[in-house]
Amino acid sequence: MDKQNLKDLLKQLHEGLQDAETVDVELRSLLEALDKDIVQVLSRDDTAGDPIFTALSERSQALSAQFAAQHPKLEPVLRELGGMLEKIGV
């Protein structure tokens, strides 16, 4: 697993959110919770095959779908993040 790639994607997401004019409060809260959970999992030494990545991937994909309409520039980052999480969980 390449933790640095995940961290880079999270950084892109943070930068994109700062540039976004408006982000729904509920959606921002969900993104912050996802970010917190990903950072927590990445801080562990042994994450290979951790089933939590499947749940994080599903959450990321659901948020990606919500973002597609409101923030099309950020949606690809979330989609890629979900894909990476899914691959890690396999």
C-alpha atoms as a PDB file:
ATOM      1  CA  MET A   1       0.000   0.000   0.000  1.00  0.00           C
ATOM      2  CA  ASP A   2       1.254   3.451  -0.789  1.00  0.00           C
ATOM      3  CA  LYS A   3       0.242   5.585   2.168  1.00  0.00           C
ATOM      4  CA  GLN A   4       1.830   8.618   0.547  1.00  0.00           C
ATOM      5  CA  ASN A   5      -0.578   8.437  -2.410  1.00  0.00           C
ATOM      6  CA  LEU A   6      -3.537   8.404  -0.024  1.00  0.00           C
ATOM      7  CA  LYS A   7      -2.091  11.334   1.906  1.00  0.00           C
ATOM      8  CA  ASP A   8      -1.561  13.224  -1.350  1.00  0.00           C
ATOM      9  CA  LEU A   9      -5.186  12.627  -2.353  1.00  0.00           C
ATOM     10  CA  LEU A  10      -6.397  13.823   1.031  1.00  0.00           C
ATOM     11  CA  LYS A  11      -4.273  16.950   0.597  1.00  0.00           C
ATOM     12  CA  GLN A  12      -5.828  17.547  -2.853  1.00  0.00           C
ATOM     13  CA  LEU A  13      -9.263  17.153  -1.348  1.00  0.00           C
ATOM     14  CA  HIS A  14      -8.497  19.649   1.426  1.00  0.00           C
ATOM     15  CA  GLU A  15      -7.151  22.166  -1.086  1.00  0.00           C
ATOM     16  CA  GLY A  16     -10.181  21.695  -3.304  1.00  0.00           C
ATOM     17  CA  LEU A  17     -12.532  22.216  -0.391  1.00  0.00           C
ATOM     18  CA  GLN A  18     -10.770  25.443   0.534  1.00  0.00           C
ATOM     19  CA  ASP A  19     -11.200  26.682  -3.035  1.00  0.00           C
ATOM     20  CA  ALA A  20     -14.851  25.631  -3.238  1.00  0.00           C
ATOM     21  CA  GLU A  21     -17.190  28.536  -2.712  1.00  0.00           C
ATOM     22  CA  THR A  22     -19.886  26.611  -0.903  1.00  0.00           C
ATOM     23  CA  VAL A  23     -20.003  23.137   0.513  1.00  0.00           C
ATOM     24  CA  ASP A  24     -23.122  21.889   2.234  1.00  0.00           C
ATOM     25  CA  VAL A  25     -22.596  21.714   6.022  1.00  0.00           C
ATOM     26  CA  GLU A  26     -23.725  18.080   6.187  1.00  0.00           C
ATOM     27  CA  LEU A  27     -21.482  17.088   3.282  1.00  0.00           C
ATOM     28  CA  ARG A  28     -18.509  18.892   4.806  1.00  0.00           C
ATOM     29  CA  SER A  29     -19.125  17.067   8.079  1.00  0.00           C
ATOM     30  CA  LEU A  30     -19.213  13.702   6.308  1.00  0.00           C
ATOM     31  CA  LEU A  31     -15.982  14.521   4.478  1.00  0.00           C
ATOM     32  CA  GLU A  32     -14.272  15.575   7.697  1.00  0.00           C
ATOM     33  CA  ALA A  33     -15.330  12.336   9.391  1.00  0.00           C
ATOM     34  CA  LEU A  34     -14.043  10.288   6.443  1.00  0.00           C
ATOM     35  CA  ASP A  35     -10.770  12.199   6.481  1.00  0.00           C
ATOM     36  CA  LYS A  36     -10.348  11.652  10.219  1.00  0.00           C
ATOM     37  CA  ASP A  37     -11.000   7.913   9.871  1.00  0.00           C
ATOM     38  CA  ILE A  38      -8.549   7.560   6.974  1.00  0.00           C
ATOM     39  CA  VAL A  39      -5.823   9.441   8.844  1.00  0.00           C
ATOM     40  CA  GLN A  40      -6.421   7.261  11.917  1.00  0.00           C
ATOM     41  CA  VAL A  41      -6.134   4.042   9.894  1.00  0.00           C
ATOM     42  CA  LEU A  42      -3.043   5.271   8.068  1.00  0.00           C
ATOM     43  CA  SER A  43      -1.332   6.014  11.367  1.00  0.00           C
ATOM     44  CA  ARG A  44      -1.330   2.295  12.201  1.00  0.00           C
ATOM     45  CA  ASP A  45       1.667   0.177  11.295  1.00  0.00           C
ATOM     46  CA  ASP A  46      -0.200  -2.916  10.095  1.00  0.00           C
ATOM     47  CA  THR A  47      -2.984  -1.919   7.706  1.00  0.00           C
ATOM     48  CA  ALA A  48      -2.573  -4.544   4.992  1.00  0.00           C
ATOM     49  CA  GLY A  49      -5.897  -6.257   4.299  1.00  0.00           C
ATOM     50  CA  ASP A  50      -7.691  -4.292   7.026  1.00  0.00           C
ATOM     51  CA  PRO A  51     -11.472  -4.643   6.411  1.00  0.00           C
ATOM     52  CA  ILE A  52     -11.986  -1.039   7.492  1.00  0.00           C
ATOM     53  CA  PHE A  53     -10.732   0.008   4.037  1.00  0.00           C
ATOM     54  CA  THR A  54     -13.813  -1.567   2.457  1.00  0.00           C
ATOM     55  CA  ALA A  55     -16.092   0.543   4.643  1.00  0.00           C
ATOM     56  CA  LEU A  56     -14.000   3.661   3.995  1.00  0.00           C
ATOM     57  CA  SER A  57     -14.096   2.958   0.270  1.00  0.00           C
ATOM     58  CA  GLU A  58     -17.882   2.650   0.302  1.00  0.00           C
ATOM     59  CA  ARG A  59     -18.218   5.907   2.232  1.00  0.00           C
ATOM     60  CA  SER A  60     -15.860   7.650  -0.160  1.00  0.00           C
ATOM     61  CA  GLN A  61     -17.813   6.414  -3.183  1.00  0.00           C
ATOM     62  CA  ALA A  62     -21.111   7.549  -1.675  1.00  0.00           C
ATOM     63  CA  LEU A  63     -19.666  11.006  -1.029  1.00  0.00           C
ATOM     64  CA  SER A  64     -18.270  11.046  -4.552  1.00  0.00           C
ATOM     65  CA  ALA A  65     -21.774  10.569  -5.917  1.00  0.00           C
ATOM     66  CA  GLN A  66     -23.054  13.483  -3.826  1.00  0.00           C
ATOM     67  CA  PHE A  67     -20.153  15.671  -4.911  1.00  0.00           C
ATOM     68  CA  ALA A  68     -20.605  14.914  -8.608  1.00  0.00           C
ATOM     69  CA  ALA A  69     -23.477  17.340  -8.947  1.00  0.00           C
ATOM     70  CA  GLN A  70     -22.371  20.081  -6.558  1.00  0.00           C
ATOM     71  CA  HIS A  71     -18.590  20.060  -7.019  1.00  0.00           C
ATOM     72  CA  PRO A  72     -17.587  18.296 -10.228  1.00  0.00           C
ATOM     73  CA  LYS A  73     -13.923  19.329  -9.838  1.00  0.00           C
ATOM     74  CA  LEU A  74     -13.598  17.518  -6.488  1.00  0.00           C
ATOM     75  CA  GLU A  75     -15.544  14.399  -7.430  1.00  0.00           C
ATOM     76  CA  PRO A  76     -12.649  12.724  -9.309  1.00  0.00           C
ATOM     77  CA  VAL A  77     -10.409  13.037  -6.243  1.00  0.00           C
ATOM     78  CA  LEU A  78     -13.001  11.323  -4.078  1.00  0.00           C
ATOM     79  CA  ARG A  79     -13.541   8.644  -6.712  1.00  0.00           C
ATOM     80  CA  GLU A  80      -9.807   7.948  -6.912  1.00  0.00           C
ATOM     81  CA  LEU A  81      -9.557   7.902  -3.124  1.00  0.00           C
ATOM     82  CA  GLY A  82     -12.371   5.338  -2.966  1.00  0.00           C
ATOM     83  CA  GLY A  83     -10.665   3.214  -5.604  1.00  0.00           C
ATOM     84  CA  MET A  84      -7.377   3.235  -3.708  1.00  0.00           C
ATOM     85  CA  LEU A  85      -9.104   2.314  -0.467  1.00  0.00           C
ATOM     86  CA  GLU A  86     -10.925  -0.504  -2.236  1.00  0.00           C
ATOM     87  CA  LYS A  87      -7.664  -1.902  -3.621  1.00  0.00           C
ATOM     88  CA  ILE A  88      -6.051  -1.774  -0.192  1.00  0.00           C
ATOM     89  CA  GLY A  89      -8.956  -3.647   1.383  1.00  0.00           C
ATOM     90  CA  VAL A  90      -8.683  -6.548  -1.084  1.00  0.00           C
END
